[in-house]
Amino acid sequence: MDPIGPDRRKVANIADGQFQPFLTDDGKPDGEVLQVNCGKRGYGFHIYRMAPGMTTEAHTHLGDEEFFLIEGDLTDHDGYEYKPGDIICLSDGTKHNSYSKNGCTLVVYLPGAEEI
């Protein structure tokens, strides 16, 4: 087997990677992401981080959203509290927003756009 060329491998590390602002379709900041795929920022597979006291904008998923809470706290608008180690799937068409009192870091897979 041949070595994997630098044009075929992209690597970022959660400890020292460059998180970029995640912007809603209307340009509002909504957390920040670390990702290595070439798709639209904040979609596909990525790391998503919320600052302490942050509330995401209410949105409807177009496709299933899957995420894993690495650290911190996360509460959905209906009061459901996720804890570190939880793996979650919110089905296509789910409308929600989330709040983090102390901040959190998530691994997320989001297949496509969201409606605000």
PDB file of N, CA and C in Angstrom:
ATOM      1  N   MET A   1       0.837  -1.176   0.000  1.00  0.00           N
ATOM      2  CA  MET A   1       0.000   0.000   0.000  1.00  0.00           C
ATOM      3  C   MET A   1       0.884   1.243   0.000  1.00  0.00           C
ATOM      4  N   ASP A   2       0.420   2.263  -0.707  1.00  0.00           N
ATOM      5  CA  ASP A   2       1.134   3.536  -0.744  1.00  0.00           C
ATOM      6  C   ASP A   2       0.775   4.362   0.475  1.00  0.00           C
ATOM      7  N   PRO A   3       1.703   5.246   0.899  1.00  0.00           N
ATOM      8  CA  PRO A   3       1.374   6.163   1.997  1.00  0.00           C
ATOM      9  C   PRO A   3       0.206   7.068   1.588  1.00  0.00           C
ATOM     10  N   ILE A   4      -0.531   7.530   2.573  1.00  0.00           N
ATOM     11  CA  ILE A   4      -1.628   8.466   2.320  1.00  0.00           C
ATOM     12  C   ILE A   4      -1.028   9.856   2.133  1.00  0.00           C
ATOM     13  N   GLY A   5      -1.295  10.469   1.013  1.00  0.00           N
ATOM     14  CA  GLY A   5      -0.742  11.792   0.706  1.00  0.00           C
ATOM     15  C   GLY A   5      -1.429  12.893   1.481  1.00  0.00           C
ATOM     16  N   PRO A   6      -0.749  14.028   1.643  1.00  0.00           N
ATOM     17  CA  PRO A   6      -1.326  15.142   2.411  1.00  0.00           C
ATOM     18  C   PRO A   6      -2.598  15.709   1.778  1.00  0.00           C
ATOM     19  N   ASP A   7      -2.802  15.465   0.487  1.00  0.00           N
ATOM     20  CA  ASP A   7      -4.030  15.926  -0.155  1.00  0.00           C
ATOM     21  C   ASP A   7      -5.205  14.991   0.132  1.00  0.00           C
ATOM     22  N   ARG A   8      -4.923  13.857   0.790  1.00  0.00           N
ATOM     23  CA  ARG A   8      -5.948  12.866   1.083  1.00  0.00           C
ATOM     24  C   ARG A   8      -6.265  12.747   2.568  1.00  0.00           C
ATOM     25  N   ARG A   9      -5.471  13.396   3.428  1.00  0.00           N
ATOM     26  CA  ARG A   9      -5.679  13.286   4.876  1.00  0.00           C
ATOM     27  C   ARG A   9      -5.752  14.687   5.480  1.00  0.00           C
ATOM     28  N   LYS A  10      -6.824  14.924   6.232  1.00  0.00           N
ATOM     29  CA  LYS A  10      -6.990  16.191   6.955  1.00  0.00           C
ATOM     30  C   LYS A  10      -7.171  15.837   8.420  1.00  0.00           C
ATOM     31  N   VAL A  11      -6.438  16.502   9.288  1.00  0.00           N
ATOM     32  CA  VAL A  11      -6.481  16.208  10.720  1.00  0.00           C
ATOM     33  C   VAL A  11      -6.590  17.519  11.497  1.00  0.00           C
ATOM     34  N   ALA A  12      -7.455  17.538  12.491  1.00  0.00           N
ATOM     35  CA  ALA A  12      -7.541  18.660  13.430  1.00  0.00           C
ATOM     36  C   ALA A  12      -7.672  18.049  14.816  1.00  0.00           C
ATOM     37  N   ASN A  13      -7.146  18.727  15.810  1.00  0.00           N
ATOM     38  CA  ASN A  13      -7.197  18.221  17.172  1.00  0.00           C
ATOM     39  C   ASN A  13      -8.046  19.157  18.020  1.00  0.00           C
ATOM     40  N   ILE A  14      -8.934  18.587  18.821  1.00  0.00           N
ATOM     41  CA  ILE A  14      -9.849  19.368  19.649  1.00  0.00           C
ATOM     42  C   ILE A  14      -9.100  20.265  20.642  1.00  0.00           C
ATOM     43  N   ALA A  15      -7.902  19.835  21.061  1.00  0.00           N
ATOM     44  CA  ALA A  15      -7.141  20.596  22.064  1.00  0.00           C
ATOM     45  C   ALA A  15      -6.524  21.863  21.488  1.00  0.00           C
ATOM     46  N   ASP A  16      -6.105  21.820  20.227  1.00  0.00           N
ATOM     47  CA  ASP A  16      -5.413  22.989  19.683  1.00  0.00           C
ATOM     48  C   ASP A  16      -5.892  23.380  18.287  1.00  0.00           C
ATOM     49  N   GLY A  17      -6.999  22.772  17.836  1.00  0.00           N
ATOM     50  CA  GLY A  17      -7.533  23.111  16.523  1.00  0.00           C
ATOM     51  C   GLY A  17      -8.164  24.488  16.514  1.00  0.00           C
ATOM     52  N   GLN A  18      -8.304  25.036  15.324  1.00  0.00           N
ATOM     53  CA  GLN A  18      -8.888  26.369  15.183  1.00  0.00           C
ATOM     54  C   GLN A  18     -10.401  26.270  14.987  1.00  0.00           C
ATOM     55  N   PHE A  19     -11.140  26.546  16.054  1.00  0.00           N
ATOM     56  CA  PHE A  19     -12.589  26.594  15.967  1.00  0.00           C
ATOM     57  C   PHE A  19     -12.981  27.847  15.184  1.00  0.00           C
ATOM     58  N   GLN A  20     -14.006  27.709  14.364  1.00  0.00           N
ATOM     59  CA  GLN A  20     -14.503  28.819  13.558  1.00  0.00           C
ATOM     60  C   GLN A  20     -15.943  29.118  13.967  1.00  0.00           C
ATOM     61  N   PRO A  21     -16.364  30.373  13.871  1.00  0.00           N
ATOM     62  CA  PRO A  21     -17.757  30.682  14.210  1.00  0.00           C
ATOM     63  C   PRO A  21     -18.720  29.924  13.311  1.00  0.00           C
ATOM     64  N   PHE A  22     -19.783  29.379  13.909  1.00  0.00           N
ATOM     65  CA  PHE A  22     -20.875  28.803  13.131  1.00  0.00           C
ATOM     66  C   PHE A  22     -21.913  29.900  13.000  1.00  0.00           C
ATOM     67  N   LEU A  23     -22.277  30.211  11.774  1.00  0.00           N
ATOM     68  CA  LEU A  23     -23.238  31.279  11.524  1.00  0.00           C
ATOM     69  C   LEU A  23     -24.527  30.691  10.976  1.00  0.00           C
ATOM     70  N   THR A  24     -25.652  31.187  11.460  1.00  0.00           N
ATOM     71  CA  THR A  24     -26.933  30.777  10.906  1.00  0.00           C
ATOM     72  C   THR A  24     -27.020  31.303   9.476  1.00  0.00           C
ATOM     73  N   ASP A  25     -28.019  30.855   8.741  1.00  0.00           N
ATOM     74  CA  ASP A  25     -28.164  31.295   7.352  1.00  0.00           C
ATOM     75  C   ASP A  25     -28.345  32.797   7.236  1.00  0.00           C
ATOM     76  N   ASP A  26     -28.837  33.438   8.305  1.00  0.00           N
ATOM     77  CA  ASP A  26     -28.974  34.899   8.263  1.00  0.00           C
ATOM     78  C   ASP A  26     -27.773  35.607   8.878  1.00  0.00           C
ATOM     79  N   GLY A  27     -26.668  34.867   9.117  1.00  0.00           N
ATOM     80  CA  GLY A  27     -25.405  35.476   9.534  1.00  0.00           C
ATOM     81  C   GLY A  27     -25.209  35.670  11.021  1.00  0.00           C
ATOM     82  N   LYS A  28     -26.104  35.152  11.859  1.00  0.00           N
ATOM     83  CA  LYS A  28     -25.962  35.319  13.306  1.00  0.00           C
ATOM     84  C   LYS A  28     -25.038  34.247  13.878  1.00  0.00           C
ATOM     85  N   PRO A  29     -24.130  34.616  14.807  1.00  0.00           N
ATOM     86  CA  PRO A  29     -23.277  33.607  15.441  1.00  0.00           C
ATOM     87  C   PRO A  29     -24.104  32.632  16.271  1.00  0.00           C
ATOM     88  N   ASP A  30     -23.767  31.338  16.169  1.00  0.00           N
ATOM     89  CA  ASP A  30     -24.522  30.303  16.871  1.00  0.00           C
ATOM     90  C   ASP A  30     -23.551  29.198  17.290  1.00  0.00           C
ATOM     91  N   GLY A  31     -22.602  29.546  18.143  1.00  0.00           N
ATOM     92  CA  GLY A  31     -21.582  28.603  18.577  1.00  0.00           C
ATOM     93  C   GLY A  31     -20.389  28.622  17.639  1.00  0.00           C
ATOM     94  N   GLU A  32     -19.522  27.613  17.798  1.00  0.00           N
ATOM     95  CA  GLU A  32     -18.352  27.523  16.928  1.00  0.00           C
ATOM     96  C   GLU A  32     -18.048  26.065  16.646  1.00  0.00           C
ATOM     97  N   VAL A  33     -17.378  25.834  15.512  1.00  0.00           N
ATOM     98  CA  VAL A  33     -17.141  24.467  15.064  1.00  0.00           C
ATOM     99  C   VAL A  33     -15.681  24.229  14.705  1.00  0.00           C
ATOM    100  N   LEU A  34     -15.298  22.971  14.850  1.00  0.00           N
ATOM    101  CA  LEU A  34     -14.008  22.468  14.386  1.00  0.00           C
ATOM    102  C   LEU A  34     -14.330  21.312  13.468  1.00  0.00           C
ATOM    103  N   GLN A  35     -13.937  21.424  12.210  1.00  0.00           N
ATOM    104  CA  GLN A  35     -14.224  20.337  11.288  1.00  0.00           C
ATOM    105  C   GLN A  35     -13.142  20.269  10.230  1.00  0.00           C
ATOM    106  N   VAL A  36     -13.033  19.094   9.622  1.00  0.00           N
ATOM    107  CA  VAL A  36     -12.022  18.904   8.587  1.00  0.00           C
ATOM    108  C   VAL A  36     -12.638  18.590   7.230  1.00  0.00           C
ATOM    109  N   ASN A  37     -13.951  18.361   7.182  1.00  0.00           N
ATOM    110  CA  ASN A  37     -14.561  18.073   5.877  1.00  0.00           C
ATOM    111  C   ASN A  37     -14.654  19.353   5.057  1.00  0.00           C
ATOM    112  N   CYS A  38     -14.924  19.186   3.795  1.00  0.00           N
ATOM    113  CA  CYS A  38     -14.936  20.335   2.885  1.00  0.00           C
ATOM    114  C   CYS A  38     -16.317  20.918   2.669  1.00  0.00           C
ATOM    115  N   GLY A  39     -17.302  20.397   3.364  1.00  0.00           N
ATOM    116  CA  GLY A  39     -18.668  20.876   3.183  1.00  0.00           C
ATOM    117  C   GLY A  39     -18.892  22.211   3.873  1.00  0.00           C
ATOM    118  N   LYS A  40     -20.131  22.606   3.912  1.00  0.00           N
ATOM    119  CA  LYS A  40     -20.516  23.855   4.557  1.00  0.00           C
ATOM    120  C   LYS A  40     -20.218  23.776   6.048  1.00  0.00           C
ATOM    121  N   ARG A  41     -19.647  24.832   6.599  1.00  0.00           N
ATOM    122  CA  ARG A  41     -19.283  24.861   8.017  1.00  0.00           C
ATOM    123  C   ARG A  41     -20.487  24.570   8.894  1.00  0.00           C
ATOM    124  N   GLY A  42     -20.295  23.620   9.838  1.00  0.00           N
ATOM    125  CA  GLY A  42     -21.345  23.276  10.773  1.00  0.00           C
ATOM    126  C   GLY A  42     -22.258  22.156  10.300  1.00  0.00           C
ATOM    127  N   TYR A  43     -21.960  21.592   9.138  1.00  0.00           N
ATOM    128  CA  TYR A  43     -22.733  20.464   8.636  1.00  0.00           C
ATOM    129  C   TYR A  43     -21.801  19.284   8.436  1.00  0.00           C
ATOM    130  N   GLY A  44     -22.366  18.105   8.258  1.00  0.00           N
ATOM    131  CA  GLY A  44     -21.543  16.906   8.201  1.00  0.00           C
ATOM    132  C   GLY A  44     -21.051  16.583   9.609  1.00  0.00           C
ATOM    133  N   PHE A  45     -19.862  16.008   9.698  1.00  0.00           N
ATOM    134  CA  PHE A  45     -19.273  15.587  10.963  1.00  0.00           C
ATOM    135  C   PHE A  45     -18.373  16.706  11.478  1.00  0.00           C
ATOM    136  N   HIS A  46     -18.568  17.125  12.742  1.00  0.00           N
ATOM    137  CA  HIS A  46     -17.764  18.223  13.292  1.00  0.00           C
ATOM    138  C   HIS A  46     -17.846  18.248  14.819  1.00  0.00           C
ATOM    139  N   ILE A  47     -16.986  19.051  15.416  1.00  0.00           N
ATOM    140  CA  ILE A  47     -17.020  19.335  16.848  1.00  0.00           C
ATOM    141  C   ILE A  47     -17.700  20.698  16.996  1.00  0.00           C
ATOM    142  N   TYR A  48     -18.664  20.779  17.900  1.00  0.00           N
ATOM    143  CA  TYR A  48     -19.419  22.018  18.121  1.00  0.00           C
ATOM    144  C   TYR A  48     -19.244  22.428  19.572  1.00  0.00           C
ATOM    145  N   ARG A  49     -18.977  23.699  19.787  1.00  0.00           N
ATOM    146  CA  ARG A  49     -18.733  24.201  21.137  1.00  0.00           C
ATOM    147  C   ARG A  49     -19.636  25.383  21.418  1.00  0.00           C
ATOM    148  N   MET A  50     -20.248  25.353  22.625  1.00  0.00           N
ATOM    149  CA  MET A  50     -21.086  26.458  23.084  1.00  0.00           C
ATOM    150  C   MET A  50     -20.425  27.111  24.290  1.00  0.00           C
ATOM    151  N   ALA A  51     -20.411  28.414  24.314  1.00  0.00           N
ATOM    152  CA  ALA A  51     -19.865  29.168  25.443  1.00  0.00           C
ATOM    153  C   ALA A  51     -20.835  29.119  26.623  1.00  0.00           C
ATOM    154  N   PRO A  52     -20.340  29.332  27.834  1.00  0.00           N
ATOM    155  CA  PRO A  52     -21.222  29.385  28.995  1.00  0.00           C
ATOM    156  C   PRO A  52     -22.323  30.440  28.796  1.00  0.00           C
ATOM    157  N   GLY A  53     -23.553  30.061  29.141  1.00  0.00           N
ATOM    158  CA  GLY A  53     -24.677  30.982  29.033  1.00  0.00           C
ATOM    159  C   GLY A  53     -25.285  31.099  27.651  1.00  0.00           C
ATOM    160  N   MET A  54     -24.778  30.354  26.691  1.00  0.00           N
ATOM    161  CA  MET A  54     -25.257  30.469  25.315  1.00  0.00           C
ATOM    162  C   MET A  54     -26.546  29.681  25.102  1.00  0.00           C
ATOM    163  N   THR A  55     -27.437  30.264  24.296  1.00  0.00           N
ATOM    164  CA  THR A  55     -28.644  29.600  23.835  1.00  0.00           C
ATOM    165  C   THR A  55     -28.614  29.601  22.318  1.00  0.00           C
ATOM    166  N   THR A  56     -28.819  28.432  21.705  1.00  0.00           N
ATOM    167  CA  THR A  56     -28.855  28.386  20.244  1.00  0.00           C
ATOM    168  C   THR A  56     -30.164  28.974  19.742  1.00  0.00           C
ATOM    169  N   GLU A  57     -30.150  29.373  18.486  1.00  0.00           N
ATOM    170  CA  GLU A  57     -31.354  29.877  17.854  1.00  0.00           C
ATOM    171  C   GLU A  57     -32.288  28.697  17.583  1.00  0.00           C
ATOM    172  N   ALA A  58     -33.586  28.890  17.766  1.00  0.00           N
ATOM    173  CA  ALA A  58     -34.558  27.828  17.471  1.00  0.00           C
ATOM    174  C   ALA A  58     -34.466  27.469  15.994  1.00  0.00           C
ATOM    175  N   HIS A  59     -34.479  26.161  15.703  1.00  0.00           N
ATOM    176  CA  HIS A  59     -34.335  25.685  14.334  1.00  0.00           C
ATOM    177  C   HIS A  59     -35.013  24.331  14.167  1.00  0.00           C
ATOM    178  N   THR A  60     -35.330  24.005  12.921  1.00  0.00           N
ATOM    179  CA  THR A  60     -35.919  22.719  12.569  1.00  0.00           C
ATOM    180  C   THR A  60     -34.913  21.954  11.727  1.00  0.00           C
ATOM    181  N   HIS A  61     -34.665  20.708  12.090  1.00  0.00           N
ATOM    182  CA  HIS A  61     -33.700  19.891  11.358  1.00  0.00           C
ATOM    183  C   HIS A  61     -34.308  19.312  10.094  1.00  0.00           C
ATOM    184  N   LEU A  62     -33.545  19.391   9.017  1.00  0.00           N
ATOM    185  CA  LEU A  62     -33.900  18.752   7.751  1.00  0.00           C
ATOM    186  C   LEU A  62     -32.966  17.559   7.616  1.00  0.00           C
ATOM    187  N   GLY A  63     -33.355  16.453   8.181  1.00  0.00           N
ATOM    188  CA  GLY A  63     -32.516  15.264   8.315  1.00  0.00           C
ATOM    189  C   GLY A  63     -32.237  15.042   9.790  1.00  0.00           C
ATOM    190  N   ASP A  64     -31.904  13.819  10.149  1.00  0.00           N
ATOM    191  CA  ASP A  64     -31.613  13.487  11.545  1.00  0.00           C
ATOM    192  C   ASP A  64     -30.330  14.170  12.008  1.00  0.00           C
ATOM    193  N   GLU A  65     -30.356  14.748  13.211  1.00  0.00           N
ATOM    194  CA  GLU A  65     -29.143  15.286  13.834  1.00  0.00           C
ATOM    195  C   GLU A  65     -28.706  14.289  14.903  1.00  0.00           C
ATOM    196  N   GLU A  66     -27.435  13.892  14.842  1.00  0.00           N
ATOM    197  CA  GLU A  66     -26.883  13.003  15.850  1.00  0.00           C
ATOM    198  C   GLU A  66     -25.746  13.730  16.547  1.00  0.00           C
ATOM    199  N   PHE A  67     -25.690  13.603  17.885  1.00  0.00           N
ATOM    200  CA  PHE A  67     -24.575  14.220  18.593  1.00  0.00           C
ATOM    201  C   PHE A  67     -24.228  13.458  19.851  1.00  0.00           C
ATOM    202  N   PHE A  68     -23.004  13.671  20.298  1.00  0.00           N
ATOM    203  CA  PHE A  68     -22.447  13.042  21.491  1.00  0.00           C
ATOM    204  C   PHE A  68     -21.911  14.162  22.365  1.00  0.00           C
ATOM    205  N   LEU A  69     -22.396  14.249  23.606  1.00  0.00           N
ATOM    206  CA  LEU A  69     -21.954  15.292  24.530  1.00  0.00           C
ATOM    207  C   LEU A  69     -20.643  14.850  25.182  1.00  0.00           C
ATOM    208  N   ILE A  70     -19.550  15.497  24.800  1.00  0.00           N
ATOM    209  CA  ILE A  70     -18.230  15.161  25.334  1.00  0.00           C
ATOM    210  C   ILE A  70     -18.093  15.676  26.758  1.00  0.00           C
ATOM    211  N   GLU A  71     -18.376  16.980  26.915  1.00  0.00           N
ATOM    212  CA  GLU A  71     -18.220  17.600  28.231  1.00  0.00           C
ATOM    213  C   GLU A  71     -19.170  18.772  28.372  1.00  0.00           C
ATOM    214  N   GLY A  72     -19.456  19.137  29.613  1.00  0.00           N
ATOM    215  CA  GLY A  72     -20.304  20.280  29.900  1.00  0.00           C
ATOM    216  C   GLY A  72     -21.753  19.881  30.117  1.00  0.00           C
ATOM    217  N   ASP A  73     -22.625  20.874  29.980  1.00  0.00           N
ATOM    218  CA  ASP A  73     -24.056  20.652  30.192  1.00  0.00           C
ATOM    219  C   ASP A  73     -24.830  21.200  29.011  1.00  0.00           C
ATOM    220  N   LEU A  74     -25.956  20.559  28.726  1.00  0.00           N
ATOM    221  CA  LEU A  74     -26.801  20.988  27.620  1.00  0.00           C
ATOM    222  C   LEU A  74     -28.245  20.670  27.968  1.00  0.00           C
ATOM    223  N   THR A  75     -29.122  21.669  27.821  1.00  0.00           N
ATOM    224  CA  THR A  75     -30.535  21.506  28.117  1.00  0.00           C
ATOM    225  C   THR A  75     -31.343  21.978  26.919  1.00  0.00           C
ATOM    226  N   ASP A  76     -32.280  21.141  26.462  1.00  0.00           N
ATOM    227  CA  ASP A  76     -33.153  21.546  25.370  1.00  0.00           C
ATOM    228  C   ASP A  76     -34.282  22.420  25.894  1.00  0.00           C
ATOM    229  N   HIS A  77     -34.976  23.097  24.973  1.00  0.00           N
ATOM    230  CA  HIS A  77     -36.042  24.047  25.309  1.00  0.00           C
ATOM    231  C   HIS A  77     -37.147  23.428  26.154  1.00  0.00           C
ATOM    232  N   ASP A  78     -37.314  22.096  26.051  1.00  0.00           N
ATOM    233  CA  ASP A  78     -38.376  21.432  26.809  1.00  0.00           C
ATOM    234  C   ASP A  78     -37.918  20.972  28.193  1.00  0.00           C
ATOM    235  N   GLY A  79     -36.680  21.367  28.582  1.00  0.00           N
ATOM    236  CA  GLY A  79     -36.167  21.037  29.902  1.00  0.00           C
ATOM    237  C   GLY A  79     -35.365  19.745  29.974  1.00  0.00           C
ATOM    238  N   TYR A  80     -35.269  18.994  28.860  1.00  0.00           N
ATOM    239  CA  TYR A  80     -34.494  17.750  28.884  1.00  0.00           C
ATOM    240  C   TYR A  80     -33.016  18.078  29.041  1.00  0.00           C
ATOM    241  N   GLU A  81     -32.388  17.481  30.050  1.00  0.00           N
ATOM    242  CA  GLU A  81     -30.977  17.742  30.338  1.00  0.00           C
ATOM    243  C   GLU A  81     -30.113  16.573  29.869  1.00  0.00           C
ATOM    244  N   TYR A  82     -29.189  16.882  28.952  1.00  0.00           N
ATOM    245  CA  TYR A  82     -28.228  15.887  28.496  1.00  0.00           C
ATOM    246  C   TYR A  82     -27.013  15.941  29.413  1.00  0.00           C
ATOM    247  N   LYS A  83     -26.311  14.819  29.527  1.00  0.00           N
ATOM    248  CA  LYS A  83     -25.118  14.774  30.371  1.00  0.00           C
ATOM    249  C   LYS A  83     -23.950  14.209  29.573  1.00  0.00           C
ATOM    250  N   PRO A  84     -22.716  14.496  29.992  1.00  0.00           N
ATOM    251  CA  PRO A  84     -21.560  13.964  29.284  1.00  0.00           C
ATOM    252  C   PRO A  84     -21.670  12.450  29.118  1.00  0.00           C
ATOM    253  N   GLY A  85     -21.366  12.000  27.914  1.00  0.00           N
ATOM    254  CA  GLY A  85     -21.462  10.585  27.591  1.00  0.00           C
ATOM    255  C   GLY A  85     -22.741  10.221  26.857  1.00  0.00           C
ATOM    256  N   ASP A  86     -23.738  11.128  26.837  1.00  0.00           N
ATOM    257  CA  ASP A  86     -24.987  10.852  26.120  1.00  0.00           C
ATOM    258  C   ASP A  86     -24.754  10.921  24.614  1.00  0.00           C
ATOM    259  N   ILE A  87     -25.332   9.968  23.889  1.00  0.00           N
ATOM    260  CA  ILE A  87     -25.375  10.013  22.433  1.00  0.00           C
ATOM    261  C   ILE A  87     -26.843  10.179  22.071  1.00  0.00           C
ATOM    262  N   ILE A  88     -27.129  11.149  21.201  1.00  0.00           N
ATOM    263  CA  ILE A  88     -28.498  11.594  20.971  1.00  0.00           C
ATOM    264  C   ILE A  88     -28.801  11.607  19.480  1.00  0.00           C
ATOM    265  N   CYS A  89     -30.017  11.291  19.113  1.00  0.00           N
ATOM    266  CA  CYS A  89     -30.499  11.477  17.747  1.00  0.00           C
ATOM    267  C   CYS A  89     -31.810  12.249  17.822  1.00  0.00           C
ATOM    268  N   LEU A  90     -31.850  13.398  17.170  1.00  0.00           N
ATOM    269  CA  LEU A  90     -33.092  14.169  17.025  1.00  0.00           C
ATOM    270  C   LEU A  90     -33.563  13.962  15.590  1.00  0.00           C
ATOM    271  N   SER A  91     -34.746  13.415  15.439  1.00  0.00           N
ATOM    272  CA  SER A  91     -35.266  13.011  14.131  1.00  0.00           C
ATOM    273  C   SER A  91     -35.522  14.186  13.199  1.00  0.00           C
ATOM    274  N   ASP A  92     -35.464  13.885  11.921  1.00  0.00           N
ATOM    275  CA  ASP A  92     -35.799  14.823  10.860  1.00  0.00           C
ATOM    276  C   ASP A  92     -37.110  15.525  11.207  1.00  0.00           C
ATOM    277  N   GLY A  93     -37.126  16.846  11.085  1.00  0.00           N
ATOM    278  CA  GLY A  93     -38.325  17.625  11.374  1.00  0.00           C
ATOM    279  C   GLY A  93     -38.432  18.114  12.807  1.00  0.00           C
ATOM    280  N   THR A  94     -37.494  17.695  13.681  1.00  0.00           N
ATOM    281  CA  THR A  94     -37.518  18.141  15.071  1.00  0.00           C
ATOM    282  C   THR A  94     -37.194  19.632  15.138  1.00  0.00           C
ATOM    283  N   LYS A  95     -38.002  20.378  15.890  1.00  0.00           N
ATOM    284  CA  LYS A  95     -37.724  21.800  16.121  1.00  0.00           C
ATOM    285  C   LYS A  95     -37.312  21.952  17.573  1.00  0.00           C
ATOM    286  N   HIS A  96     -36.192  22.654  17.803  1.00  0.00           N
ATOM    287  CA  HIS A  96     -35.710  22.846  19.171  1.00  0.00           C
ATOM    288  C   HIS A  96     -34.678  23.967  19.221  1.00  0.00           C
ATOM    289  N   ASN A  97     -34.311  24.317  20.429  1.00  0.00           N
ATOM    290  CA  ASN A  97     -33.116  25.096  20.684  1.00  0.00           C
ATOM    291  C   ASN A  97     -32.557  24.612  22.010  1.00  0.00           C
ATOM    292  N   SER A  98     -31.283  24.890  22.243  1.00  0.00           N
ATOM    293  CA  SER A  98     -30.589  24.364  23.419  1.00  0.00           C
ATOM    294  C   SER A  98     -29.873  25.481  24.167  1.00  0.00           C
ATOM    295  N   TYR A  99     -29.644  25.229  25.446  1.00  0.00           N
ATOM    296  CA  TYR A  99     -28.974  26.176  26.341  1.00  0.00           C
ATOM    297  C   TYR A  99     -27.882  25.435  27.100  1.00  0.00           C
ATOM    298  N   SER A 100     -26.754  26.126  27.332  1.00  0.00           N
ATOM    299  CA  SER A 100     -25.698  25.550  28.153  1.00  0.00           C
ATOM    300  C   SER A 100     -25.291  26.552  29.230  1.00  0.00           C
ATOM    301  N   LYS A 101     -25.561  26.206  30.473  1.00  0.00           N
ATOM    302  CA  LYS A 101     -25.229  27.083  31.599  1.00  0.00           C
ATOM    303  C   LYS A 101     -23.714  27.282  31.721  1.00  0.00           C
ATOM    304  N   ASN A 102     -22.961  26.188  31.639  1.00  0.00           N
ATOM    305  CA  ASN A 102     -21.514  26.246  31.863  1.00  0.00           C
ATOM    306  C   ASN A 102     -20.680  26.039  30.609  1.00  0.00           C
ATOM    307  N   GLY A 103     -21.337  25.920  29.454  1.00  0.00           N
ATOM    308  CA  GLY A 103     -20.641  25.648  28.205  1.00  0.00           C
ATOM    309  C   GLY A 103     -20.559  24.150  27.967  1.00  0.00           C
ATOM    310  N   CYS A 104     -20.355  23.772  26.706  1.00  0.00           N
ATOM    311  CA  CYS A 104     -20.262  22.346  26.389  1.00  0.00           C
ATOM    312  C   CYS A 104     -19.539  22.142  25.067  1.00  0.00           C
ATOM    313  N   THR A 105     -19.114  20.902  24.875  1.00  0.00           N
ATOM    314  CA  THR A 105     -18.479  20.483  23.630  1.00  0.00           C
ATOM    315  C   THR A 105     -19.163  19.208  23.163  1.00  0.00           C
ATOM    316  N   LEU A 106     -19.542  19.185  21.887  1.00  0.00           N
ATOM    317  CA  LEU A 106     -20.278  18.072  21.299  1.00  0.00           C
ATOM    318  C   LEU A 106     -19.572  17.569  20.043  1.00  0.00           C
ATOM    319  N   VAL A 107     -19.690  16.285  19.762  1.00  0.00           N
ATOM    320  CA  VAL A 107     -19.384  15.740  18.451  1.00  0.00           C
ATOM    321  C   VAL A 107     -20.727  15.654  17.741  1.00  0.00           C
ATOM    322  N   VAL A 108     -20.822  16.226  16.532  1.00  0.00           N
ATOM    323  CA  VAL A 108     -22.106  16.325  15.839  1.00  0.00           C
ATOM    324  C   VAL A 108     -22.007  15.778  14.421  1.00  0.00           C
ATOM    325  N   TYR A 109     -23.065  15.105  14.006  1.00  0.00           N
ATOM    326  CA  TYR A 109     -23.255  14.802  12.587  1.00  0.00           C
ATOM    327  C   TYR A 109     -24.594  15.403  12.195  1.00  0.00           C
ATOM    328  N   LEU A 110     -24.544  16.329  11.252  1.00  0.00           N
ATOM    329  CA  LEU A 110     -25.741  17.017  10.766  1.00  0.00           C
ATOM    330  C   LEU A 110     -25.712  16.932   9.241  1.00  0.00           C
ATOM    331  N   PRO A 111     -26.631  16.177   8.638  1.00  0.00           N
ATOM    332  CA  PRO A 111     -26.539  15.905   7.212  1.00  0.00           C
ATOM    333  C   PRO A 111     -26.824  17.090   6.298  1.00  0.00           C
ATOM    334  N   GLY A 112     -27.573  18.067   6.775  1.00  0.00           N
ATOM    335  CA  GLY A 112     -27.924  19.162   5.877  1.00  0.00           C
ATOM    336  C   GLY A 112     -28.451  20.363   6.611  1.00  0.00           C
ATOM    337  N   ALA A 113     -29.106  21.187   5.868  1.00  0.00           N
ATOM    338  CA  ALA A 113     -29.570  22.490   6.336  1.00  0.00           C
ATOM    339  C   ALA A 113     -30.582  22.376   7.484  1.00  0.00           C
ATOM    340  N   GLU A 114     -30.753  23.505   8.128  1.00  0.00           N
ATOM    341  CA  GLU A 114     -31.757  23.668   9.171  1.00  0.00           C
ATOM    342  C   GLU A 114     -32.633  24.842   8.766  1.00  0.00           C
ATOM    343  N   GLU A 115     -33.872  24.815   9.177  1.00  0.00           N
ATOM    344  CA  GLU A 115     -34.755  25.965   8.968  1.00  0.00           C
ATOM    345  C   GLU A 115     -34.833  26.742  10.259  1.00  0.00           C
ATOM    346  N   ILE A 116     -34.627  28.025  10.178  1.00  0.00           N
ATOM    347  CA  ILE A 116     -34.702  28.910  11.347  1.00  0.00           C
ATOM    348  C   ILE A 116     -36.107  29.456  11.445  1.00  0.00           C
TER     349      ILE A 116
END
